[in-house]
């Protein structure tokens, strides 16, 4: 295989194992494989990564979305992570011998197919955005399912494609982007306001670290709070820098870092030697979570399907 594209579908289901298994199995098609899948009951979210040739990845994303739309009712969904739809977000990324332009075209093709075949409201974001104000996923997903539903009902924030109403499956954001690092830091205590303040301090949009998106919220099941970050350009702000900034802000509020985690895959350059210990990284498996190691010959396709799902640590 020469050209390899990655897609990182996130679904609004992290608790019902039968539904999780059905979605992951649907993602596994000829020419593409699920190389990472993690179900998080606290966030009530399923994070997956699929690698394959462009057409196979397209078919995988559509099949996974179809399985989620059939089985997830957003009117009943509650969880810690922001969400707006059953097949919440589907970003495509270049991995090997393929450029961003091809990923943008792929994202837009998938968006049209989702709107036409599944009757889904679809928003295009990132490099695939049709308008500048929708480049940021946070802006697209503002207000989450409930807020977006109200906005669309009043004629505001209408989707780029598909029906102009938000039903039980919610809406889907489809985009194209570079590989990023999804990084969560768990902090002692139950002060959600403090976690939100820390996130506001470190994120780029509030004058914090460049290329950092961050939110803070409570994790009642673990009796702690988390600052959840996307490092959209780890060469500008690395994982260690983001960790140190959050740890400093937490200490100033009398809070301690309990542990951190990488969600999904990360480029090898994002985690230099020694960082795992410094970051208090929990549940990280380099052989399964370093992007380049999965792409290397002989490791491209690990066992996939429902057996490949891991439980959140």
C-alpha atoms as a PDB file:
ATOM      1  CA  UNK A   1       0.000   0.000   0.000  1.00  0.00           C
ATOM      2  CA  UNK A   2       1.413   3.428  -0.925  1.00  0.00           C
ATOM      3  CA  UNK A   3      -0.980   6.257  -0.055  1.00  0.00           C
ATOM      4  CA  UNK A   4      -2.214   5.989   3.526  1.00  0.00           C
ATOM      5  CA  UNK A   5      -4.902   8.223   5.008  1.00  0.00           C
ATOM      6  CA  UNK A   6      -5.974   8.289   8.621  1.00  0.00           C
ATOM      7  CA  UNK A   7      -9.449   9.016   9.912  1.00  0.00           C
ATOM      8  CA  UNK A   8     -10.216   9.553  13.606  1.00  0.00           C
ATOM      9  CA  UNK A   9     -13.977   9.116  14.105  1.00  0.00           C
ATOM     10  CA  UNK A  10     -15.305   9.964  17.569  1.00  0.00           C
ATOM     11  CA  UNK A  11     -18.700   8.619  18.582  1.00  0.00           C
ATOM     12  CA  UNK A  12     -21.040   9.577  21.434  1.00  0.00           C
ATOM     13  CA  UNK A  13     -21.023   6.180  23.120  1.00  0.00           C
ATOM     14  CA  UNK A  14     -18.655   4.937  25.797  1.00  0.00           C
ATOM     15  CA  UNK A  15     -20.756   2.686  28.022  1.00  0.00           C
ATOM     16  CA  UNK A  16     -22.776   0.116  26.086  1.00  0.00           C
ATOM     17  CA  UNK A  17     -20.280  -2.527  25.012  1.00  0.00           C
ATOM     18  CA  UNK A  18     -22.577  -4.081  22.431  1.00  0.00           C
ATOM     19  CA  UNK A  19     -23.007  -0.740  20.642  1.00  0.00           C
ATOM     20  CA  UNK A  20     -19.285  -0.013  20.866  1.00  0.00           C
ATOM     21  CA  UNK A  21     -18.457  -3.399  19.352  1.00  0.00           C
ATOM     22  CA  UNK A  22     -20.934  -2.913  16.513  1.00  0.00           C
ATOM     23  CA  UNK A  23     -19.495   0.507  15.609  1.00  0.00           C
ATOM     24  CA  UNK A  24     -15.880  -0.691  15.680  1.00  0.00           C
ATOM     25  CA  UNK A  25     -16.723  -3.775  13.632  1.00  0.00           C
ATOM     26  CA  UNK A  26     -18.477  -1.579  11.048  1.00  0.00           C
ATOM     27  CA  UNK A  27     -15.341   0.571  10.723  1.00  0.00           C
ATOM     28  CA  UNK A  28     -13.228  -2.435   9.765  1.00  0.00           C
ATOM     29  CA  UNK A  29     -13.507  -2.764   5.952  1.00  0.00           C
ATOM     30  CA  UNK A  30     -11.322  -4.199   3.197  1.00  0.00           C
ATOM     31  CA  UNK A  31      -8.266  -1.994   2.730  1.00  0.00           C
ATOM     32  CA  UNK A  32      -8.549  -0.263   6.105  1.00  0.00           C
ATOM     33  CA  UNK A  33      -8.148  -1.319   9.711  1.00  0.00           C
ATOM     34  CA  UNK A  34      -9.082   0.012  13.120  1.00  0.00           C
ATOM     35  CA  UNK A  35      -5.657   0.479  14.717  1.00  0.00           C
ATOM     36  CA  UNK A  36      -6.908   2.132  17.899  1.00  0.00           C
ATOM     37  CA  UNK A  37     -10.218   2.197  19.729  1.00  0.00           C
ATOM     38  CA  UNK A  38     -10.882   3.336  23.278  1.00  0.00           C
ATOM     39  CA  UNK A  39     -14.218   3.522  25.061  1.00  0.00           C
ATOM     40  CA  UNK A  40     -14.410   6.059  27.897  1.00  0.00           C
ATOM     41  CA  UNK A  41     -17.512   5.742  30.115  1.00  0.00           C
ATOM     42  CA  UNK A  42     -16.776   9.007  31.968  1.00  0.00           C
ATOM     43  CA  UNK A  43     -16.650  11.030  28.761  1.00  0.00           C
ATOM     44  CA  UNK A  44     -19.323   8.683  27.288  1.00  0.00           C
ATOM     45  CA  UNK A  45     -17.282   8.628  24.117  1.00  0.00           C
ATOM     46  CA  UNK A  46     -15.604   6.212  21.734  1.00  0.00           C
ATOM     47  CA  UNK A  47     -12.351   7.366  20.118  1.00  0.00           C
ATOM     48  CA  UNK A  48     -11.103   5.392  17.125  1.00  0.00           C
ATOM     49  CA  UNK A  49      -8.381   5.619  14.503  1.00  0.00           C
ATOM     50  CA  UNK A  50      -8.538   3.940  11.109  1.00  0.00           C
ATOM     51  CA  UNK A  51      -5.653   3.716   8.607  1.00  0.00           C
ATOM     52  CA  UNK A  52      -5.946   2.656   4.994  1.00  0.00           C
ATOM     53  CA  UNK A  53      -6.059   3.702   1.378  1.00  0.00           C
ATOM     54  CA  UNK A  54      -8.269   6.721   0.632  1.00  0.00           C
ATOM     55  CA  UNK A  55     -11.266   4.823  -0.741  1.00  0.00           C
ATOM     56  CA  UNK A  56     -11.224   2.242   2.054  1.00  0.00           C
ATOM     57  CA  UNK A  57     -11.008   4.943   4.713  1.00  0.00           C
ATOM     58  CA  UNK A  58     -13.957   6.705   3.077  1.00  0.00           C
ATOM     59  CA  UNK A  59     -16.031   3.507   3.210  1.00  0.00           C
ATOM     60  CA  UNK A  60     -14.976   2.875   6.806  1.00  0.00           C
ATOM     61  CA  UNK A  61     -16.027   6.327   7.989  1.00  0.00           C
ATOM     62  CA  UNK A  62     -19.435   6.055   6.343  1.00  0.00           C
ATOM     63  CA  UNK A  63     -20.062   2.550   7.701  1.00  0.00           C
ATOM     64  CA  UNK A  64     -19.091   3.601  11.229  1.00  0.00           C
ATOM     65  CA  UNK A  65     -21.330   6.646  11.055  1.00  0.00           C
ATOM     66  CA  UNK A  66     -24.250   4.553   9.827  1.00  0.00           C
ATOM     67  CA  UNK A  67     -23.842   2.129  12.743  1.00  0.00           C
ATOM     68  CA  UNK A  68     -23.731   4.995  15.254  1.00  0.00           C
ATOM     69  CA  UNK A  69     -26.713   6.851  13.808  1.00  0.00           C
ATOM     70  CA  UNK A  70     -28.817   3.698  13.999  1.00  0.00           C
ATOM     71  CA  UNK A  71     -27.929   2.936  17.628  1.00  0.00           C
ATOM     72  CA  UNK A  72     -27.380   6.252  19.444  1.00  0.00           C
ATOM     73  CA  UNK A  73     -30.133   8.625  20.552  1.00  0.00           C
ATOM     74  CA  UNK A  74     -28.665  12.021  21.434  1.00  0.00           C
ATOM     75  CA  UNK A  75     -31.762  12.967  23.439  1.00  0.00           C
ATOM     76  CA  UNK A  76     -30.662  10.345  25.980  1.00  0.00           C
ATOM     77  CA  UNK A  77     -26.927  11.073  25.870  1.00  0.00           C
ATOM     78  CA  UNK A  78     -25.064  12.675  28.785  1.00  0.00           C
ATOM     79  CA  UNK A  79     -21.307  12.680  29.284  1.00  0.00           C
ATOM     80  CA  UNK A  80     -18.313  14.732  30.272  1.00  0.00           C
ATOM     81  CA  UNK A  81     -17.030  15.475  26.770  1.00  0.00           C
ATOM     82  CA  UNK A  82     -18.605  18.114  24.494  1.00  0.00           C
ATOM     83  CA  UNK A  83     -20.645  16.488  21.734  1.00  0.00           C
ATOM     84  CA  UNK A  84     -23.225  17.325  19.101  1.00  0.00           C
ATOM     85  CA  UNK A  85     -23.988  14.056  17.377  1.00  0.00           C
ATOM     86  CA  UNK A  86     -23.935  10.265  17.398  1.00  0.00           C
ATOM     87  CA  UNK A  87     -21.115  10.256  14.844  1.00  0.00           C
ATOM     88  CA  UNK A  88     -19.741  13.362  16.467  1.00  0.00           C
ATOM     89  CA  UNK A  89     -16.613  14.234  14.527  1.00  0.00           C
ATOM     90  CA  UNK A  90     -14.837  12.622  11.563  1.00  0.00           C
ATOM     91  CA  UNK A  91     -11.458  14.206  10.757  1.00  0.00           C
ATOM     92  CA  UNK A  92      -9.213  12.954   7.949  1.00  0.00           C
ATOM     93  CA  UNK A  93      -5.431  13.357   8.102  1.00  0.00           C
ATOM     94  CA  UNK A  94      -2.528  12.706   5.728  1.00  0.00           C
ATOM     95  CA  UNK A  95      -0.239   9.889   6.884  1.00  0.00           C
ATOM     96  CA  UNK A  96       1.939   8.672   4.006  1.00  0.00           C
ATOM     97  CA  UNK A  97       2.292   9.727   0.367  1.00  0.00           C
ATOM     98  CA  UNK A  98      -0.861  11.824   0.465  1.00  0.00           C
ATOM     99  CA  UNK A  99      -1.295  15.559   0.942  1.00  0.00           C
ATOM    100  CA  UNK A 100      -3.755  17.765   2.778  1.00  0.00           C
ATOM    101  CA  UNK A 101      -5.519  18.721  -0.441  1.00  0.00           C
ATOM    102  CA  UNK A 102      -6.502  15.084  -1.016  1.00  0.00           C
ATOM    103  CA  UNK A 103      -7.772  14.836   2.565  1.00  0.00           C
ATOM    104  CA  UNK A 104      -9.891  17.955   2.094  1.00  0.00           C
ATOM    105  CA  UNK A 105     -11.453  16.473  -1.028  1.00  0.00           C
ATOM    106  CA  UNK A 106     -12.038  13.191   0.791  1.00  0.00           C
ATOM    107  CA  UNK A 107     -13.671  14.946   3.753  1.00  0.00           C
ATOM    108  CA  UNK A 108     -16.026  16.893   1.524  1.00  0.00           C
ATOM    109  CA  UNK A 109     -16.982  13.775  -0.429  1.00  0.00           C
ATOM    110  CA  UNK A 110     -17.756  11.906   2.799  1.00  0.00           C
ATOM    111  CA  UNK A 111     -19.738  14.866   4.126  1.00  0.00           C
ATOM    112  CA  UNK A 112     -21.923  14.882   1.021  1.00  0.00           C
ATOM    113  CA  UNK A 113     -22.473  11.130   1.239  1.00  0.00           C
ATOM    114  CA  UNK A 114     -23.423  11.277   4.928  1.00  0.00           C
ATOM    115  CA  UNK A 115     -25.916  14.043   4.218  1.00  0.00           C
ATOM    116  CA  UNK A 116     -27.448  12.217   1.271  1.00  0.00           C
ATOM    117  CA  UNK A 117     -27.498   8.609   2.487  1.00  0.00           C
ATOM    118  CA  UNK A 118     -28.005   9.054   6.243  1.00  0.00           C
ATOM    119  CA  UNK A 119     -29.967  12.321   6.143  1.00  0.00           C
ATOM    120  CA  UNK A 120     -27.449  13.862   8.551  1.00  0.00           C
ATOM    121  CA  UNK A 121     -26.846  17.566   9.105  1.00  0.00           C
ATOM    122  CA  UNK A 122     -23.110  17.976   8.389  1.00  0.00           C
ATOM    123  CA  UNK A 123     -20.663  20.764   9.193  1.00  0.00           C
ATOM    124  CA  UNK A 124     -17.290  21.007   7.452  1.00  0.00           C
ATOM    125  CA  UNK A 125     -14.413  22.177   9.640  1.00  0.00           C
ATOM    126  CA  UNK A 126     -10.631  22.457   9.749  1.00  0.00           C
ATOM    127  CA  UNK A 127      -8.910  22.560   6.371  1.00  0.00           C
ATOM    128  CA  UNK A 128     -12.154  21.312   4.782  1.00  0.00           C
ATOM    129  CA  UNK A 129     -14.232  24.240   6.089  1.00  0.00           C
ATOM    130  CA  UNK A 130     -16.223  26.149   3.489  1.00  0.00           C
ATOM    131  CA  UNK A 131     -16.222  29.357   5.547  1.00  0.00           C
ATOM    132  CA  UNK A 132     -13.478  30.719   7.851  1.00  0.00           C
ATOM    133  CA  UNK A 133     -15.695  30.856  10.935  1.00  0.00           C
ATOM    134  CA  UNK A 134     -16.092  27.067  10.834  1.00  0.00           C
ATOM    135  CA  UNK A 135     -12.408  26.148  10.790  1.00  0.00           C
ATOM    136  CA  UNK A 136     -12.446  25.635  14.574  1.00  0.00           C
ATOM    137  CA  UNK A 137     -14.241  22.515  15.807  1.00  0.00           C
ATOM    138  CA  UNK A 138     -14.963  24.270  19.107  1.00  0.00           C
ATOM    139  CA  UNK A 139     -16.864  26.994  17.250  1.00  0.00           C
ATOM    140  CA  UNK A 140     -18.822  24.440  15.228  1.00  0.00           C
ATOM    141  CA  UNK A 141     -19.739  22.438  18.331  1.00  0.00           C
ATOM    142  CA  UNK A 142     -20.517  25.450  20.542  1.00  0.00           C
ATOM    143  CA  UNK A 143     -23.532  24.801  22.763  1.00  0.00           C
ATOM    144  CA  UNK A 144     -23.276  21.064  22.083  1.00  0.00           C
ATOM    145  CA  UNK A 145     -26.250  19.026  20.869  1.00  0.00           C
ATOM    146  CA  UNK A 146     -28.859  20.980  22.820  1.00  0.00           C
ATOM    147  CA  UNK A 147     -27.556  24.439  21.941  1.00  0.00           C
ATOM    148  CA  UNK A 148     -26.996  23.603  18.293  1.00  0.00           C
ATOM    149  CA  UNK A 149     -30.483  22.126  18.001  1.00  0.00           C
ATOM    150  CA  UNK A 150     -32.031  25.332  19.327  1.00  0.00           C
ATOM    151  CA  UNK A 151     -29.883  27.508  17.081  1.00  0.00           C
ATOM    152  CA  UNK A 152     -30.762  25.577  13.920  1.00  0.00           C
ATOM    153  CA  UNK A 153     -34.460  25.552  14.852  1.00  0.00           C
ATOM    154  CA  UNK A 154     -34.337  29.351  14.962  1.00  0.00           C
ATOM    155  CA  UNK A 155     -32.629  29.539  11.573  1.00  0.00           C
ATOM    156  CA  UNK A 156     -29.127  30.188  12.906  1.00  0.00           C
ATOM    157  CA  UNK A 157     -25.888  28.175  12.417  1.00  0.00           C
ATOM    158  CA  UNK A 158     -27.416  26.074   9.658  1.00  0.00           C
ATOM    159  CA  UNK A 159     -25.439  23.012   8.505  1.00  0.00           C
ATOM    160  CA  UNK A 160     -23.349  23.082   5.350  1.00  0.00           C
ATOM    161  CA  UNK A 161     -25.043  19.942   4.041  1.00  0.00           C
ATOM    162  CA  UNK A 162     -28.084  17.842   4.846  1.00  0.00           C
ATOM    163  CA  UNK A 163     -31.377  18.645   6.584  1.00  0.00           C
ATOM    164  CA  UNK A 164     -31.802  21.936   8.393  1.00  0.00           C
ATOM    165  CA  UNK A 165     -32.956  20.393  11.624  1.00  0.00           C
ATOM    166  CA  UNK A 166     -31.219  18.446  14.371  1.00  0.00           C
ATOM    167  CA  UNK A 167     -32.857  15.123  15.211  1.00  0.00           C
ATOM    168  CA  UNK A 168     -32.051  12.152  17.440  1.00  0.00           C
ATOM    169  CA  UNK A 169     -28.699  11.502  15.713  1.00  0.00           C
ATOM    170  CA  UNK A 170     -27.610  15.113  16.124  1.00  0.00           C
ATOM    171  CA  UNK A 171     -25.132  16.566  13.649  1.00  0.00           C
ATOM    172  CA  UNK A 172     -21.709  15.484  12.413  1.00  0.00           C
ATOM    173  CA  UNK A 173     -18.550  17.550  11.916  1.00  0.00           C
ATOM    174  CA  UNK A 174     -16.358  16.303   9.068  1.00  0.00           C
ATOM    175  CA  UNK A 175     -12.938  17.826   8.549  1.00  0.00           C
ATOM    176  CA  UNK A 176      -9.329  17.544   7.477  1.00  0.00           C
ATOM    177  CA  UNK A 177      -6.335  18.309   9.681  1.00  0.00           C
ATOM    178  CA  UNK A 178      -2.767  17.387  10.531  1.00  0.00           C
ATOM    179  CA  UNK A 179      -2.184  14.646  13.110  1.00  0.00           C
ATOM    180  CA  UNK A 180      -2.692  16.167  16.563  1.00  0.00           C
ATOM    181  CA  UNK A 181      -2.177  15.024  20.127  1.00  0.00           C
ATOM    182  CA  UNK A 182      -5.269  14.555  22.294  1.00  0.00           C
ATOM    183  CA  UNK A 183      -4.026  14.971  25.851  1.00  0.00           C
ATOM    184  CA  UNK A 184      -5.974  14.822  29.128  1.00  0.00           C
ATOM    185  CA  UNK A 185      -4.647  15.775  32.559  1.00  0.00           C
ATOM    186  CA  UNK A 186      -6.527  14.603  35.654  1.00  0.00           C
ATOM    187  CA  UNK A 187      -6.390  16.857  38.718  1.00  0.00           C
ATOM    188  CA  UNK A 188      -7.204  16.277  42.366  1.00  0.00           C
ATOM    189  CA  UNK A 189     -10.417  17.599  43.847  1.00  0.00           C
ATOM    190  CA  UNK A 190     -13.869  18.221  42.467  1.00  0.00           C
ATOM    191  CA  UNK A 191     -13.661  21.951  41.703  1.00  0.00           C
ATOM    192  CA  UNK A 192     -14.948  22.066  38.133  1.00  0.00           C
ATOM    193  CA  UNK A 193     -14.773  25.866  38.084  1.00  0.00           C
ATOM    194  CA  UNK A 194     -11.044  25.675  38.787  1.00  0.00           C
ATOM    195  CA  UNK A 195     -10.573  23.150  35.965  1.00  0.00           C
ATOM    196  CA  UNK A 196     -12.419  25.433  33.572  1.00  0.00           C
ATOM    197  CA  UNK A 197     -10.286  28.393  34.713  1.00  0.00           C
ATOM    198  CA  UNK A 198      -7.090  26.434  34.115  1.00  0.00           C
ATOM    199  CA  UNK A 199      -8.255  25.412  30.650  1.00  0.00           C
ATOM    200  CA  UNK A 200      -9.145  29.000  29.865  1.00  0.00           C
ATOM    201  CA  UNK A 201      -5.701  30.164  30.990  1.00  0.00           C
ATOM    202  CA  UNK A 202      -3.690  27.694  28.902  1.00  0.00           C
ATOM    203  CA  UNK A 203      -5.673  27.652  25.650  1.00  0.00           C
ATOM    204  CA  UNK A 204      -4.683  29.786  22.698  1.00  0.00           C
ATOM    205  CA  UNK A 205      -8.064  31.474  22.241  1.00  0.00           C
ATOM    206  CA  UNK A 206      -7.735  33.088  25.678  1.00  0.00           C
ATOM    207  CA  UNK A 207      -4.162  34.256  25.159  1.00  0.00           C
ATOM    208  CA  UNK A 208      -2.491  31.093  26.439  1.00  0.00           C
ATOM    209  CA  UNK A 209      -0.292  28.577  24.666  1.00  0.00           C
ATOM    210  CA  UNK A 210      -0.232  28.628  20.863  1.00  0.00           C
ATOM    211  CA  UNK A 211      -1.977  25.780  19.035  1.00  0.00           C
ATOM    212  CA  UNK A 212      -3.656  24.527  22.222  1.00  0.00           C
ATOM    213  CA  UNK A 213      -7.390  23.890  22.529  1.00  0.00           C
ATOM    214  CA  UNK A 214      -8.522  23.147  26.080  1.00  0.00           C
ATOM    215  CA  UNK A 215     -11.643  22.584  28.141  1.00  0.00           C
ATOM    216  CA  UNK A 216     -12.082  21.709  31.797  1.00  0.00           C
ATOM    217  CA  UNK A 217     -14.792  19.594  33.345  1.00  0.00           C
ATOM    218  CA  UNK A 218     -15.649  17.326  36.232  1.00  0.00           C
ATOM    219  CA  UNK A 219     -15.241  13.541  36.201  1.00  0.00           C
ATOM    220  CA  UNK A 220     -17.589  12.491  39.021  1.00  0.00           C
ATOM    221  CA  UNK A 221     -16.984   8.764  38.536  1.00  0.00           C
ATOM    222  CA  UNK A 222     -13.298   9.293  39.343  1.00  0.00           C
ATOM    223  CA  UNK A 223     -13.908  12.011  41.957  1.00  0.00           C
ATOM    224  CA  UNK A 224     -11.624  14.422  40.163  1.00  0.00           C
ATOM    225  CA  UNK A 225     -11.551  16.984  37.365  1.00  0.00           C
ATOM    226  CA  UNK A 226      -9.760  17.050  34.043  1.00  0.00           C
ATOM    227  CA  UNK A 227      -8.254  19.526  31.636  1.00  0.00           C
ATOM    228  CA  UNK A 228      -8.749  18.021  28.193  1.00  0.00           C
ATOM    229  CA  UNK A 229      -6.542  19.405  25.429  1.00  0.00           C
ATOM    230  CA  UNK A 230      -5.967  19.061  21.717  1.00  0.00           C
ATOM    231  CA  UNK A 231      -2.435  20.074  20.744  1.00  0.00           C
ATOM    232  CA  UNK A 232      -3.094  20.889  17.120  1.00  0.00           C
ATOM    233  CA  UNK A 233       0.563  21.658  16.382  1.00  0.00           C
ATOM    234  CA  UNK A 234       2.856  19.897  18.840  1.00  0.00           C
ATOM    235  CA  UNK A 235       5.884  21.535  17.206  1.00  0.00           C
ATOM    236  CA  UNK A 236       4.614  24.900  18.449  1.00  0.00           C
ATOM    237  CA  UNK A 237       3.494  23.697  21.887  1.00  0.00           C
ATOM    238  CA  UNK A 238       4.683  20.288  22.952  1.00  0.00           C
ATOM    239  CA  UNK A 239       3.050  17.827  25.316  1.00  0.00           C
ATOM    240  CA  UNK A 240       5.566  18.545  28.094  1.00  0.00           C
ATOM    241  CA  UNK A 241       5.006  22.303  27.791  1.00  0.00           C
ATOM    242  CA  UNK A 242       1.240  21.857  27.979  1.00  0.00           C
ATOM    243  CA  UNK A 243       1.596  19.537  30.983  1.00  0.00           C
ATOM    244  CA  UNK A 244       3.874  21.957  32.837  1.00  0.00           C
ATOM    245  CA  UNK A 245       1.528  24.871  32.222  1.00  0.00           C
ATOM    246  CA  UNK A 246      -1.477  22.980  33.577  1.00  0.00           C
ATOM    247  CA  UNK A 247       0.523  21.641  36.547  1.00  0.00           C
ATOM    248  CA  UNK A 248       1.642  25.160  37.432  1.00  0.00           C
ATOM    249  CA  UNK A 249      -1.877  26.558  37.287  1.00  0.00           C
ATOM    250  CA  UNK A 250      -3.198  23.600  39.287  1.00  0.00           C
ATOM    251  CA  UNK A 251      -0.568  24.064  42.027  1.00  0.00           C
ATOM    252  CA  UNK A 252      -1.501  27.725  42.315  1.00  0.00           C
ATOM    253  CA  UNK A 253      -5.026  26.566  43.153  1.00  0.00           C
ATOM    254  CA  UNK A 254      -3.957  23.907  45.635  1.00  0.00           C
ATOM    255  CA  UNK A 255      -4.556  21.039  43.194  1.00  0.00           C
ATOM    256  CA  UNK A 256      -2.264  18.189  42.180  1.00  0.00           C
ATOM    257  CA  UNK A 257      -1.782  16.292  38.937  1.00  0.00           C
ATOM    258  CA  UNK A 258      -2.997  12.727  39.433  1.00  0.00           C
ATOM    259  CA  UNK A 259      -2.068  11.385  36.013  1.00  0.00           C
ATOM    260  CA  UNK A 260      -2.351  12.163  32.324  1.00  0.00           C
ATOM    261  CA  UNK A 261      -3.253  10.247  29.189  1.00  0.00           C
ATOM    262  CA  UNK A 262      -2.816  10.335  25.439  1.00  0.00           C
ATOM    263  CA  UNK A 263      -6.103   9.568  23.695  1.00  0.00           C
ATOM    264  CA  UNK A 264      -5.623   7.709  20.446  1.00  0.00           C
ATOM    265  CA  UNK A 265      -2.423   7.953  18.423  1.00  0.00           C
ATOM    266  CA  UNK A 266       0.432  10.434  18.578  1.00  0.00           C
ATOM    267  CA  UNK A 267       3.357  11.125  16.230  1.00  0.00           C
ATOM    268  CA  UNK A 268       6.634   9.759  17.572  1.00  0.00           C
ATOM    269  CA  UNK A 269       8.235  13.197  17.647  1.00  0.00           C
ATOM    270  CA  UNK A 270       5.553  14.407  20.060  1.00  0.00           C
ATOM    271  CA  UNK A 271       6.863  12.212  22.897  1.00  0.00           C
ATOM    272  CA  UNK A 272      10.667  12.392  23.277  1.00  0.00           C
ATOM    273  CA  UNK A 273      12.438   9.909  25.583  1.00  0.00           C
ATOM    274  CA  UNK A 274      11.760  10.581  29.256  1.00  0.00           C
ATOM    275  CA  UNK A 275       8.444  12.326  28.702  1.00  0.00           C
ATOM    276  CA  UNK A 276       6.267   9.414  29.810  1.00  0.00           C
ATOM    277  CA  UNK A 277       7.547   9.592  33.394  1.00  0.00           C
ATOM    278  CA  UNK A 278       7.515  13.385  33.516  1.00  0.00           C
ATOM    279  CA  UNK A 279       3.926  13.474  32.275  1.00  0.00           C
ATOM    280  CA  UNK A 280       2.740  10.773  34.709  1.00  0.00           C
ATOM    281  CA  UNK A 281       1.317   9.115  31.630  1.00  0.00           C
ATOM    282  CA  UNK A 282      -1.107   6.275  32.379  1.00  0.00           C
ATOM    283  CA  UNK A 283      -2.193   3.458  30.097  1.00  0.00           C
ATOM    284  CA  UNK A 284       0.085   4.480  27.226  1.00  0.00           C
ATOM    285  CA  UNK A 285       1.264   1.705  24.895  1.00  0.00           C
ATOM    286  CA  UNK A 286       3.869   3.019  22.420  1.00  0.00           C
ATOM    287  CA  UNK A 287       3.649  -0.025  20.156  1.00  0.00           C
ATOM    288  CA  UNK A 288      -0.072   0.620  19.680  1.00  0.00           C
ATOM    289  CA  UNK A 289      -0.268   4.399  19.996  1.00  0.00           C
ATOM    290  CA  UNK A 290       2.737   5.786  18.098  1.00  0.00           C
ATOM    291  CA  UNK A 291       1.499   6.502  14.593  1.00  0.00           C
ATOM    292  CA  UNK A 292       4.727   5.699  12.757  1.00  0.00           C
ATOM    293  CA  UNK A 293       5.110   2.338  14.469  1.00  0.00           C
ATOM    294  CA  UNK A 294       1.716   1.245  13.179  1.00  0.00           C
ATOM    295  CA  UNK A 295       2.542   2.333   9.655  1.00  0.00           C
ATOM    296  CA  UNK A 296       5.904   0.538   9.564  1.00  0.00           C
ATOM    297  CA  UNK A 297       6.098  -2.602   7.482  1.00  0.00           C
ATOM    298  CA  UNK A 298       4.848  -5.654   9.310  1.00  0.00           C
ATOM    299  CA  UNK A 299       2.844  -3.600  11.781  1.00  0.00           C
ATOM    300  CA  UNK A 300       0.364  -1.928   9.535  1.00  0.00           C
ATOM    301  CA  UNK A 301      -2.608  -4.060  10.459  1.00  0.00           C
ATOM    302  CA  UNK A 302      -2.937  -5.306  14.047  1.00  0.00           C
ATOM    303  CA  UNK A 303      -5.875  -7.425  15.124  1.00  0.00           C
ATOM    304  CA  UNK A 304      -8.918  -5.232  14.707  1.00  0.00           C
ATOM    305  CA  UNK A 305     -12.661  -5.325  15.045  1.00  0.00           C
ATOM    306  CA  UNK A 306     -14.321  -5.519  18.407  1.00  0.00           C
ATOM    307  CA  UNK A 307     -11.349  -7.351  19.959  1.00  0.00           C
ATOM    308  CA  UNK A 308      -9.284  -4.207  19.390  1.00  0.00           C
ATOM    309  CA  UNK A 309     -11.323  -2.007  21.744  1.00  0.00           C
ATOM    310  CA  UNK A 310      -9.604  -1.152  24.988  1.00  0.00           C
ATOM    311  CA  UNK A 311     -11.321   0.101  28.082  1.00  0.00           C
ATOM    312  CA  UNK A 312     -10.393   3.506  29.383  1.00  0.00           C
ATOM    313  CA  UNK A 313      -7.656   3.158  32.048  1.00  0.00           C
END
